[in-house]
Protein backbone atom coordinates (compact mmCIF):
# COMPACT_ATOMS: atom_id res chain seq x y z
CA MET A 1 32.82 -11.27 -3.74
CA LYS A 2 32.21 -7.88 -5.08
CA THR A 3 33.31 -8.83 -8.77
CA PHE A 4 30.71 -11.40 -8.00
CA LEU A 5 27.88 -9.24 -6.98
CA LYS A 6 28.68 -6.72 -9.93
CA ILE A 7 28.12 -9.65 -12.62
CA LEU A 8 25.13 -10.77 -11.01
CA LEU A 9 23.82 -7.07 -10.89
CA LEU A 10 24.30 -6.40 -14.29
CA VAL A 11 22.80 -10.29 -15.03
CA LEU A 12 19.59 -8.84 -13.16
CA SER A 13 19.81 -5.53 -14.83
CA GLY A 14 19.75 -7.15 -18.04
CA LEU A 15 17.07 -9.61 -17.16
CA LEU A 16 15.33 -6.27 -15.95
CA ILE A 17 15.81 -4.47 -19.37
CA ALA A 18 14.70 -7.49 -21.27
CA SER A 19 11.44 -7.55 -19.17
CA CYS A 20 10.69 -4.39 -20.46
CA LYS A 21 11.16 -5.20 -24.35
CA PHE A 22 9.83 -9.31 -24.22
CA ASN A 23 6.66 -10.65 -22.64
CA GLY A 24 8.39 -13.99 -21.79
CA PRO A 25 6.85 -16.92 -22.93
CA SER A 26 4.24 -14.97 -24.94
CA GLY A 27 6.63 -12.66 -26.96
CA PRO A 28 7.07 -8.85 -27.36
CA VAL A 29 4.58 -6.77 -25.18
CA GLN A 30 5.44 -2.83 -26.67
CA PRO A 31 2.44 -2.14 -28.56
CA SER A 32 2.95 0.56 -31.28
CA ASP A 33 0.83 3.17 -29.15
CA LYS A 34 2.31 3.23 -26.00
CA ARG A 35 -0.43 4.56 -24.44
CA ILE A 36 -1.56 1.02 -24.34
CA PRO A 37 -0.48 -1.09 -20.96
CA TYR A 38 2.82 -3.50 -21.90
CA SER A 39 5.64 -4.44 -19.92
CA PRO A 40 3.68 -6.40 -17.57
CA TYR A 41 4.91 -7.90 -14.28
CA PRO A 42 4.75 -10.81 -13.57
CA VAL A 43 5.39 -11.22 -17.11
CA ASN A 44 2.83 -12.72 -19.36
CA GLY A 45 2.79 -16.81 -18.68
CA ALA A 46 4.92 -16.59 -15.68
CA THR A 47 4.51 -19.87 -13.60
CA ASN A 48 5.61 -20.83 -9.81
CA GLN A 49 4.19 -17.11 -8.85
CA PRO A 50 3.56 -16.52 -4.81
CA LEU A 51 0.60 -16.62 -3.26
CA ALA A 52 1.05 -12.75 -2.96
CA VAL A 53 1.88 -10.62 -5.84
CA ALA A 54 2.28 -6.86 -7.18
CA LEU A 55 1.03 -6.44 -10.50
CA LYS A 56 3.16 -3.63 -12.38
CA TRP A 57 2.44 -2.44 -15.89
CA LYS A 58 4.02 0.48 -18.12
CA ALA A 59 1.87 2.91 -20.46
CA ASP A 60 2.84 6.54 -21.55
CA ALA A 61 0.36 9.30 -20.86
CA ALA A 62 -2.45 7.77 -19.12
CA VAL A 63 -3.43 9.35 -15.77
CA LYS A 64 -5.10 7.06 -14.22
CA PHE A 65 -5.72 3.51 -14.60
CA ASP A 66 -8.60 0.49 -13.74
CA VAL A 67 -7.18 -3.02 -13.23
CA TYR A 68 -9.45 -6.15 -13.67
CA PHE A 69 -8.22 -9.49 -11.95
CA ASP A 70 -9.92 -12.63 -12.13
CA THR A 71 -9.72 -16.64 -12.68
CA LYS A 72 -11.35 -16.50 -16.21
CA ASN A 73 -10.50 -14.86 -19.16
CA PRO A 74 -11.12 -12.61 -19.89
CA PRO A 75 -11.06 -10.85 -16.61
CA LEU A 76 -14.19 -8.86 -15.57
CA ASN A 77 -13.91 -8.43 -11.68
CA LEU A 78 -12.41 -4.46 -11.12
CA LYS A 79 -9.85 -5.23 -8.98
CA ALA A 80 -8.84 -1.29 -8.94
CA SER A 81 -10.34 1.66 -10.07
CA ASN A 82 -8.59 5.04 -10.73
CA VAL A 83 -4.76 3.66 -10.01
CA ASP A 84 -2.43 6.97 -10.02
CA SER A 85 -0.17 6.96 -13.25
CA SER A 86 2.59 7.69 -10.85
CA SER A 87 2.37 4.19 -9.06
CA ARG A 88 1.19 1.61 -11.43
CA THR A 89 0.92 -1.06 -9.05
CA VAL A 90 -1.74 -2.95 -7.56
CA VAL A 91 -1.05 -5.94 -4.77
CA VAL A 92 -3.31 -8.86 -4.95
CA ILE A 93 -3.21 -11.62 -1.91
CA GLY A 94 -5.43 -14.73 -0.72
CA LEU A 95 -4.40 -16.45 -4.16
CA LYS A 96 -4.92 -19.96 -4.35
CA THR A 97 -1.85 -22.46 -5.21
CA SER A 98 -1.88 -24.13 -9.00
CA LYS A 99 -4.45 -21.51 -10.28
CA VAL A 100 -4.43 -19.53 -13.72
CA TYR A 101 -4.94 -15.80 -12.72
CA TYR A 102 -5.95 -13.33 -15.68
CA TRP A 103 -5.49 -9.50 -15.59
CA LYS A 104 -5.76 -6.75 -18.11
CA VAL A 105 -5.31 -2.82 -17.48
CA VAL A 106 -7.12 -0.15 -18.73
CA SER A 107 -5.41 2.95 -19.75
CA LYS A 108 -7.53 6.42 -18.58
CA LEU A 109 -6.26 9.19 -20.51
CA ALA A 110 -6.54 13.09 -19.45
CA ASN A 111 -9.40 14.07 -22.49
CA GLY A 112 -11.40 10.66 -20.93
CA SER A 113 -10.75 8.33 -23.71
CA LYS A 114 -10.02 4.69 -22.39
CA LEU A 115 -7.40 2.59 -23.77
CA GLU A 116 -7.64 -1.14 -23.12
CA GLY A 117 -4.34 -3.45 -22.98
CA PRO A 118 -4.47 -7.13 -23.52
CA VAL A 119 -4.74 -9.93 -21.32
CA TRP A 120 -2.36 -11.40 -19.28
CA HIS A 121 -1.91 -14.46 -17.25
CA PHE A 122 0.30 -16.23 -14.33
CA THR A 123 0.08 -19.65 -12.37
CA THR A 124 1.03 -19.52 -8.90
CA LYS A 125 2.96 -22.09 -7.34
CA SER A 126 1.99 -25.68 -6.21
CA ASN A 127 3.62 -25.97 -2.87
CA SER A 128 1.93 -24.21 -0.08
CA THR A 129 4.45 -24.85 2.37
CA GLN A 130 7.44 -23.34 0.84
CA GLN A 131 9.09 -21.12 3.59
CA GLY A 132 11.01 -17.44 3.37
CA TYR A 133 9.87 -14.08 2.76
CA VAL A 134 8.57 -12.16 -0.24
CA MET A 135 9.00 -8.78 -0.67
CA ILE A 136 6.63 -6.62 -2.56
CA GLU A 137 8.04 -3.28 -3.84
CA GLN A 138 5.22 -0.31 -4.04
CA LYS A 139 7.24 2.83 -5.17
CA LEU A 140 10.46 4.00 -5.32
CA TYR A 141 11.54 7.45 -5.66
CA THR A 142 14.12 9.86 -4.91
CA GLU A 143 14.38 13.39 -3.29
CA LEU A 144 17.00 16.20 -2.80
CA PRO A 145 19.81 15.82 -2.10
CA HIS A 146 20.54 12.85 -2.78
CA ILE A 147 18.02 10.42 -0.97
CA VAL A 148 16.35 7.03 -2.06
CA ASN A 149 12.86 5.48 -0.99
CA ILE A 150 11.24 2.49 -1.11
CA LEU A 151 8.19 1.95 -0.18
CA PHE A 152 7.69 -2.37 -0.13
CA GLN A 153 5.86 -5.00 1.80
CA VAL A 154 6.70 -8.33 3.23
CA VAL A 155 5.02 -11.21 3.51
CA ASP A 156 5.18 -15.08 3.81
CA PHE A 157 4.19 -17.32 1.01
CA ASN A 158 0.77 -17.44 2.21
CA GLY A 159 0.39 -13.90 2.16
CA LYS A 160 0.43 -13.24 6.10
CA GLY A 161 2.19 -10.15 6.92
CA ILE A 162 5.61 -10.15 8.22
CA ASP A 163 5.72 -7.40 11.43
CA PHE A 164 8.81 -7.68 13.02
CA LEU A 165 12.11 -7.29 10.27
CA THR A 166 14.14 -3.96 10.83
CA THR A 167 17.19 -1.88 9.24
CA ASN A 168 19.57 -4.49 10.17
CA ASP A 169 17.35 -7.50 8.10
CA PHE A 170 17.95 -6.19 4.85
CA GLU A 171 21.28 -5.21 2.53
CA LEU A 172 21.34 -2.90 -0.17
CA PHE A 173 23.53 -2.61 -3.51
CA GLU A 174 23.80 -0.39 -5.97
CA ASP A 175 25.05 -1.31 -9.53
CA GLY A 176 26.99 -4.28 -7.55
CA GLU A 177 28.15 -2.26 -4.43
CA LYS A 178 26.83 -3.10 -1.00
CA ILE A 179 25.58 -0.02 0.49
CA SER A 180 26.99 1.12 4.00
CA GLN A 181 24.12 1.29 6.33
CA SER A 182 26.25 3.56 8.53
CA GLU A 183 27.62 5.90 5.57
CA SER A 184 24.33 5.97 4.10
CA GLU A 185 21.93 6.44 7.13
CA MET A 186 20.35 4.00 5.85
CA GLN A 187 17.07 3.50 7.96
CA VAL A 188 13.54 0.82 7.72
CA PHE A 189 10.70 2.91 9.10
CA LYS A 190 7.11 1.17 9.88
CA LYS A 191 4.07 1.79 7.99
CA GLY A 192 3.36 4.44 11.15
CA GLN A 193 5.31 6.81 8.51
CA THR A 194 2.46 6.57 6.07
CA PRO A 195 -1.12 7.24 6.48
CA PHE A 196 -2.90 3.96 6.77
CA GLU A 197 -6.28 2.48 6.78
CA LEU A 198 -7.24 -0.73 7.11
CA ARG A 199 -11.12 -1.45 5.98
CA THR A 200 -12.58 -4.57 7.84
CA VAL A 201 -16.20 -6.13 6.41
CA LEU A 202 -17.89 -7.70 9.06
CA MET A 203 -20.74 -9.60 7.23
CA LEU A 204 -22.26 -11.59 10.10
CA ASP A 205 -25.30 -14.28 9.51
CA ASN A 206 -28.54 -13.71 11.25
CA SER A 207 -30.62 -16.44 9.65
CA THR A 208 -33.23 -18.17 11.73
CA SER A 209 -31.06 -21.23 11.86
CA LEU A 210 -29.03 -19.33 14.48
CA GLY A 211 -31.49 -19.44 17.10
CA SER A 212 -30.41 -18.26 20.82
CA ASP A 213 -26.66 -18.21 19.54
CA ILE A 214 -27.08 -14.75 18.20
CA ALA A 215 -26.69 -13.29 21.59
CA GLN A 216 -22.72 -14.81 21.56
CA MET A 217 -22.62 -13.84 18.09
CA LYS A 218 -22.88 -10.62 19.15
CA SER A 219 -20.98 -10.22 22.14
CA ALA A 220 -18.03 -11.70 19.96
CA ALA A 221 -18.54 -9.36 17.17
CA ASN A 222 -18.45 -6.82 19.84
CA ASP A 223 -15.03 -8.18 21.35
CA PHE A 224 -14.08 -7.90 17.94
CA VAL A 225 -14.75 -3.47 17.64
CA ASN A 226 -13.47 -3.06 20.94
CA ASN A 227 -10.12 -4.15 20.15
CA LEU A 228 -9.70 -2.16 16.82
CA VAL A 229 -5.96 -1.74 15.57
CA THR A 230 -4.77 1.66 14.73
CA GLY A 231 -5.94 3.06 11.58
CA GLN A 232 -8.98 0.25 11.50
CA LYS A 233 -12.31 1.04 9.95
CA VAL A 234 -15.13 -1.32 10.19
CA ALA A 235 -18.53 -1.56 8.40
CA VAL A 236 -20.85 -4.00 9.77
CA TYR A 237 -23.37 -6.10 7.44
CA LYS A 238 -25.97 -8.46 8.22
CA PHE A 239 -27.37 -11.39 6.02
CA SER A 240 -30.29 -14.12 5.81
CA GLU A 241 -32.51 -13.09 2.78
CA LYS A 242 -29.65 -10.64 1.67
CA PRO A 243 -26.59 -8.41 2.96
CA VAL A 244 -27.84 -5.31 4.79
CA LEU A 245 -25.60 -2.25 5.41
CA VAL A 246 -26.29 -2.08 9.12
CA GLN A 247 -22.81 0.33 9.70
CA ASP A 248 -20.93 1.92 7.50
CA PHE A 249 -17.36 2.13 7.89
CA THR A 250 -16.14 4.03 11.00
CA ASP A 251 -13.83 3.70 14.32
CA ASN A 252 -16.43 5.00 15.97
CA ILE A 253 -17.03 1.71 18.00
CA SER A 254 -20.10 3.35 20.27
CA LEU A 255 -21.62 3.24 16.58
CA LEU A 256 -20.31 -0.03 15.83
CA THR A 257 -21.64 -1.66 18.92
CA THR A 258 -25.36 0.12 18.55
CA ALA A 259 -25.21 -1.41 15.00
CA ILE A 260 -24.26 -5.19 16.45
CA ASN A 261 -26.70 -5.09 19.17
CA SER A 262 -29.45 -4.06 17.03
CA ILE A 263 -28.97 -6.90 14.95
CA ASN A 264 -32.24 -9.49 15.69
CA LEU A 265 -33.01 -12.62 14.09
CA GLY A 266 -33.66 -12.11 10.15
CA TYR A 267 -35.25 -15.13 7.46
CA ALA A 268 -35.39 -18.43 7.11
CA THR A 269 -32.98 -18.62 4.14
CA THR A 270 -29.49 -17.79 3.99
CA ASN A 271 -27.83 -16.20 0.65
CA LEU A 272 -24.25 -16.58 1.87
CA TYR A 273 -22.84 -15.99 -2.22
CA GLY A 274 -24.71 -12.73 -2.18
CA ALA A 275 -23.26 -11.89 0.96
CA VAL A 276 -19.29 -12.47 -0.09
CA ILE A 277 -20.47 -10.61 -3.34
CA GLU A 278 -21.48 -7.42 -1.63
CA GLY A 279 -18.80 -7.68 1.01
CA ALA A 280 -16.04 -7.85 -1.68
CA SER A 281 -17.59 -4.97 -3.30
CA ARG A 282 -16.49 -3.31 -0.61
CA LEU A 283 -13.04 -3.69 -0.58
CA VAL A 284 -10.64 -1.51 -1.79
CA TYR A 285 -6.64 -1.48 -2.01
CA ARG A 286 -4.57 1.44 -2.61
CA PHE A 287 -0.48 1.65 -2.69
CA ASP A 288 1.19 4.61 -3.00
CA SER A 289 3.19 7.20 -0.96
CA ASP A 290 0.48 9.51 0.06
CA GLN A 291 -2.29 6.20 1.67
CA ILE A 292 -1.87 2.82 2.16
CA ILE A 293 -5.59 1.45 2.12
CA GLN A 294 -6.02 -2.54 2.67
CA SER A 295 -9.09 -4.49 2.74
CA ASP A 296 -10.25 -7.66 4.52
CA LEU A 297 -13.89 -9.55 4.58
CA ILE A 298 -14.86 -11.17 7.73
CA LEU A 299 -17.76 -13.95 7.03
CA PHE A 300 -19.17 -15.45 10.24
CA THR A 301 -22.30 -18.23 8.91
CA ASP A 302 -23.82 -21.27 10.86
CA GLY A 303 -24.93 -22.66 7.19
CA GLN A 304 -24.64 -23.15 3.54
CA ASP A 305 -26.06 -21.14 1.14
CA THR A 306 -30.03 -21.99 0.39
CA GLN A 307 -31.13 -19.44 -1.52
CA ASP A 308 -29.68 -20.12 -5.05
CA SER A 309 -29.85 -16.33 -5.92
CA HIS A 310 -26.14 -16.46 -6.83
CA THR A 311 -23.79 -19.27 -7.52
CA LEU A 312 -20.58 -20.31 -5.99
CA SER A 313 -18.33 -19.49 -9.38
CA GLU A 314 -19.98 -16.04 -9.21
CA ALA A 315 -18.74 -15.68 -5.36
CA VAL A 316 -15.23 -16.81 -6.50
CA ASN A 317 -14.80 -14.70 -8.96
CA ALA A 318 -16.71 -11.66 -6.93
CA ILE A 319 -13.25 -12.32 -4.31
CA SER A 320 -10.50 -12.97 -6.86
CA GLY A 321 -6.98 -11.13 -5.29
CA LYS A 322 -8.93 -10.20 -2.60
CA SER A 323 -8.53 -10.92 1.44
CA VAL A 324 -11.12 -13.15 2.98
CA TYR A 325 -11.50 -14.48 6.38
CA THR A 326 -14.29 -17.29 6.82
CA VAL A 327 -15.83 -18.77 10.07
CA GLY A 328 -18.30 -21.45 10.34
CA LEU A 329 -20.26 -22.77 13.07
CA GLY A 330 -21.61 -26.36 13.57
CA SER A 331 -21.78 -29.15 11.27
CA ASP A 332 -24.29 -27.52 8.70
CA ILE A 333 -21.66 -25.59 7.09
CA ASP A 334 -20.15 -26.81 4.24
CA PRO A 335 -16.00 -26.56 4.58
CA GLU A 336 -15.23 -27.38 1.42
CA VAL A 337 -16.96 -24.28 0.40
CA LEU A 338 -15.89 -21.43 2.96
CA ASN A 339 -12.31 -22.89 2.67
CA ILE A 340 -12.55 -22.09 -0.90
CA LEU A 341 -14.04 -18.55 0.14
CA GLY A 342 -11.51 -18.37 2.67
CA THR A 343 -8.68 -17.03 0.74
CA SER A 344 -7.24 -15.23 3.74
CA GLY A 345 -7.68 -18.63 6.22
CA PHE A 346 -11.11 -20.75 6.95
CA TYR A 347 -12.10 -21.37 10.49
CA PRO A 348 -14.38 -24.12 11.40
CA ILE A 349 -15.79 -23.88 15.08
CA SER A 350 -17.89 -26.48 16.86
CA LYS A 351 -19.82 -24.19 19.93
CA VAL A 352 -20.35 -20.52 19.34
CA ASP A 353 -18.48 -19.59 22.45
CA GLU A 354 -15.33 -20.20 20.48
CA LEU A 355 -16.13 -17.36 17.66
CA SER A 356 -14.68 -14.55 19.80
CA THR A 357 -11.30 -16.72 19.99
CA THR A 358 -11.50 -16.94 16.39
CA PHE A 359 -12.11 -13.25 16.08
CA ASN A 360 -9.10 -12.06 18.09
CA LYS A 361 -6.63 -14.68 15.95
CA ILE A 362 -8.09 -12.84 12.91
CA GLU A 363 -7.78 -9.73 14.05
CA GLN A 364 -4.29 -10.60 15.11
CA ASP A 365 -3.33 -11.81 11.29
CA LEU A 366 -4.71 -7.96 10.45
CA ASN A 367 -2.46 -6.55 12.86
CA LYS A 368 0.39 -8.35 11.35
CA TYR A 369 -0.95 -7.66 7.84
CA ALA A 370 -1.27 -3.60 8.79
CA ASN A 371 2.34 -3.59 10.14
CA SER A 372 4.06 -5.69 7.11
CA PHE A 373 4.69 -2.22 4.96
CA TYR A 374 7.88 -0.41 5.06
CA TRP A 375 9.81 2.63 3.86
CA LEU A 376 13.27 2.50 3.95
CA ARG A 377 15.45 5.41 3.19
CA TYR A 378 18.96 6.15 2.66
CA ARG A 379 21.75 8.82 1.26
CA SER A 380 22.86 7.34 -2.10
CA PRO A 381 26.66 8.08 -2.70
CA LYS A 382 25.87 8.25 -6.32
CA ARG A 383 26.32 11.78 -8.14
CA GLY A 384 25.36 12.83 -11.94
CA PRO A 385 23.00 12.62 -14.85
CA ASN A 386 22.71 8.23 -14.61
CA MET A 387 20.59 5.65 -14.26
CA HIS A 388 21.58 3.12 -10.95
CA THR A 389 20.66 -0.23 -9.95
CA LEU A 390 19.11 -1.09 -7.28
CA VAL A 391 18.56 -4.30 -4.95
CA LEU A 392 17.14 -5.03 -2.00
CA GLN A 393 17.34 -7.98 -0.21
CA ILE A 394 16.88 -9.49 3.30
CA LEU A 395 19.36 -11.33 5.09
CA ASN A 396 19.19 -15.09 5.56
CA ASN A 397 15.69 -15.24 3.41
CA PRO A 398 14.81 -19.03 3.18
CA ASN A 399 13.47 -17.56 -0.08
CA THR A 400 15.95 -17.17 -3.12
CA GLY A 401 13.79 -17.28 -5.48
CA GLU A 402 10.73 -15.31 -6.75
CA GLY A 403 9.93 -12.63 -4.68
CA SER A 404 13.23 -12.77 -2.56
CA THR A 405 14.67 -9.46 -3.84
CA ILE A 406 13.21 -5.98 -4.99
CA ILE A 407 15.02 -4.57 -7.94
CA ASP A 408 14.59 -1.01 -10.01
CA GLN A 409 16.40 1.70 -11.21
CA PHE A 410 16.59 5.45 -10.42
CA SER A 411 18.46 8.39 -11.46
CA SER A 412 21.08 10.35 -9.62
CA ALA A 413 20.09 13.24 -11.70
CA GLY A 414 20.47 16.64 -9.64
CA PHE A 415 22.35 14.96 -6.72
CA PHE A 416 24.25 16.87 -4.51
CA SER A 417 26.11 17.04 -1.00
CA VAL A 418 25.08 18.66 1.54
CA ASN A 419 25.70 19.06 5.59
CA PRO A 420 22.52 17.56 8.06
CA GLY A 421 20.45 20.64 9.24
CA LEU A 422 17.44 22.53 7.63
CA TYR A 423 18.06 25.09 4.88
CA PHE A 424 16.11 27.36 2.79
CA ASN A 425 15.67 27.67 -1.25
CA SER A 426 18.54 25.00 -1.55
CA SER A 427 19.44 23.62 -4.70
CA ALA A 428 22.22 21.83 -6.64
CA ALA A 429 23.72 24.91 -7.77
CA SER A 430 23.43 26.34 -4.07
CA PRO A 431 23.31 23.63 -1.57
CA GLU A 432 23.49 25.85 1.36
CA GLY A 433 20.23 27.67 0.00
CA ILE A 434 19.83 31.28 1.91
CA ASP A 435 19.66 32.84 4.83
CA THR A 436 18.32 36.20 4.46
CA LEU A 437 15.37 37.18 2.34
CA TYR A 438 14.98 40.37 0.67
CA LEU A 439 11.59 41.64 -0.44
CA PHE A 440 10.37 45.20 -1.22
CA ARG A 441 7.68 47.37 -0.47
CA GLY A 442 5.10 47.44 -3.85
CA GLN A 443 6.23 44.60 -5.21
CA GLY A 444 5.03 40.95 -4.84
CA ALA A 445 5.29 38.02 -2.61
CA LYS A 446 8.22 35.23 -2.62
CA ILE A 447 8.36 31.42 -2.42
CA VAL A 448 10.23 30.23 0.32
CA GLN A 449 11.04 26.32 0.18
CA ALA A 450 12.11 24.86 3.75
CA ALA A 451 14.02 21.01 3.63
CA SER A 452 15.44 19.03 6.22
CA TYR A 453 18.22 17.12 4.76
CA LEU A 454 19.52 13.95 6.19
CA THR A 455 17.00 13.65 9.52
CA PRO A 456 15.43 10.28 11.01
CA ASN A 457 12.35 10.87 10.26
CA PRO A 458 10.10 12.80 7.10
CA PRO A 459 10.19 16.48 7.81
CA ALA A 460 7.03 18.42 8.34
CA PHE A 461 7.17 22.65 9.03
CA SER A 462 5.97 25.17 11.54
CA TRP A 463 6.82 28.68 11.09
CA SER A 464 6.43 31.55 13.56
CA LEU A 465 6.61 35.41 12.83
CA PRO A 466 5.09 37.36 15.67
CA ASP A 467 6.01 40.78 13.73
CA THR A 468 3.80 41.14 10.77
CA SER A 469 4.31 44.92 10.14
CA ILE A 470 7.66 44.15 8.29
CA ALA A 471 6.50 41.16 6.75
CA LYS A 472 3.92 38.07 6.42
CA ILE A 473 4.31 34.59 6.16
CA LYS A 474 1.38 31.88 4.31
CA PRO A 475 2.67 28.72 4.34
CA TYR A 476 0.78 26.22 1.77
CA GLU A 477 -1.75 24.30 3.53
CA SER A 478 -1.16 21.34 1.21
CA ASN A 479 2.52 21.62 1.78
CA ASN A 480 3.89 22.96 4.82
CA SER A 481 7.65 22.86 3.45
CA ARG A 482 6.61 25.83 1.47
CA ALA A 483 5.37 29.26 2.43
CA GLU A 484 4.64 32.74 0.60
CA ILE A 485 6.39 34.86 2.23
CA SER A 486 4.98 39.44 1.23
CA PRO A 487 6.20 42.76 2.57
CA GLY A 488 4.34 44.36 4.90
CA ILE A 489 3.30 47.95 5.88
CA LYS A 490 7.08 48.52 7.15
CA THR A 491 10.49 48.51 5.91
CA GLY A 492 13.25 46.75 7.86
CA ILE A 493 14.41 43.25 9.58
CA THR A 494 12.34 40.52 10.95
CA SER A 495 12.74 36.82 10.74
CA THR A 496 10.73 33.66 10.93
CA LEU A 497 11.96 30.53 13.29
CA VAL A 498 11.01 27.76 10.69
CA THR A 499 10.87 24.09 13.25
CA ASP A 500 10.78 20.77 11.70
CA VAL A 501 8.02 19.27 14.50
CA ASN A 502 9.12 15.98 13.17
CA ASN A 503 12.75 16.44 14.36
CA ALA A 504 13.81 17.38 17.31
CA GLY A 505 15.90 19.97 17.52
CA VAL A 506 15.76 20.89 14.05
CA SER A 507 15.42 24.39 13.57
CA LYS A 508 16.48 27.53 11.56
CA ARG A 509 15.99 31.26 11.54
CA LEU A 510 15.40 33.00 8.31
CA PHE A 511 16.11 36.53 8.20
CA ILE A 512 13.75 38.47 6.22
CA LYS A 513 14.92 42.26 4.81
CA VAL A 514 12.28 44.72 3.48
CA ASN A 515 13.22 47.94 1.43
């Protein structure tokens, strides 16, 4: 079995390397100027793609990227702006079956110039009932002494979040060898370990056709904002003649309910497509180790677009690759149009008193999506300045095709062995670090780096120093694992107790000797 897995991993590694040199059906992707985006994933011309896709690319020297994604060529819809160069990943969800999507990436250089990449395209799968899970890698990075971290998301083939997986649901391979969960201390964390924000645009139709139903609409909207998930912020709009912002993004329920209650009947016209376009422009997506931002538009209406100031095509282009829920009340709606606009779901209701239940269903859907982000963290047994192929997959996944595995590479350069615990100024040359810091009066400060190795949670540190006459400590505001320690007015010996506040019982005392 191990021999088979090694062969399989070698084949997969070859395909991964090959994808860096060739652009699938459309031929070579590497430009002569490597600052121009190249080597896209999905490969150019790919078919049978799931309805949630992580767009990836390569580019040298760029500091930021803009990503355009559309159903037309060339793509004009700005999907994500100023994507960090360390991420180079943008997730698109709510895609339609049997649809061709076009995308391109623009490199932003440090000197302010821009380099536009080629237009790539892929086609989604034709079967919307396919079973199984899709894994979307967001980021892989390593940290000392020998830790590998992967941020990823798991969704179904319709882009709905899968939120119930645990460590035992995954298996991991390095260079074809299965990694032992117990020996590697492999752990899977939920999104709580990463700052997460869910932004929801609540777009409410207040045209005169709503009549007396507006009171129940406001009641249902208030029920929705009274049950926000952790990290969720809501912006409230009303629309008839045009979309009007009533309350910008906030998690303050009092402000949201006040805004909703202020909505009265508007005009005898419905600018439905304009409302979709405005709402889509407020949707922001960010996926990296510093923060995850997911956005959704929830649109409620009781009719069709009667204004004709925008077209359905314009609205569809605006929501390409974005998450939109549509709720239609009564018999005057156009179900076909709302189904097209509802990339994440269309909910027809016959009576306004069904709206509260419908909003609750959507909120549950959003909660699942918010909890479908995972961190995997483990101790790699690899050492030395070598590249290794990592494969992560879900046990018993009905999906064995596209998106069923995460395949990536990492370097074990600088990896070293060390026992669990808290260390100061640890390195490959000196794994145990230091126990005593030597300072001299009249000289400058020294930097001390604290590190908690092999702990169950990502570390965060506090530094205490009761006697500041011998030494002074100034932790970095942006990174509390680092502190600047300088001599005081006296000579002698003191100590600082450093505690990893995210891992109970992990602390260590650093002695400071000032001469």
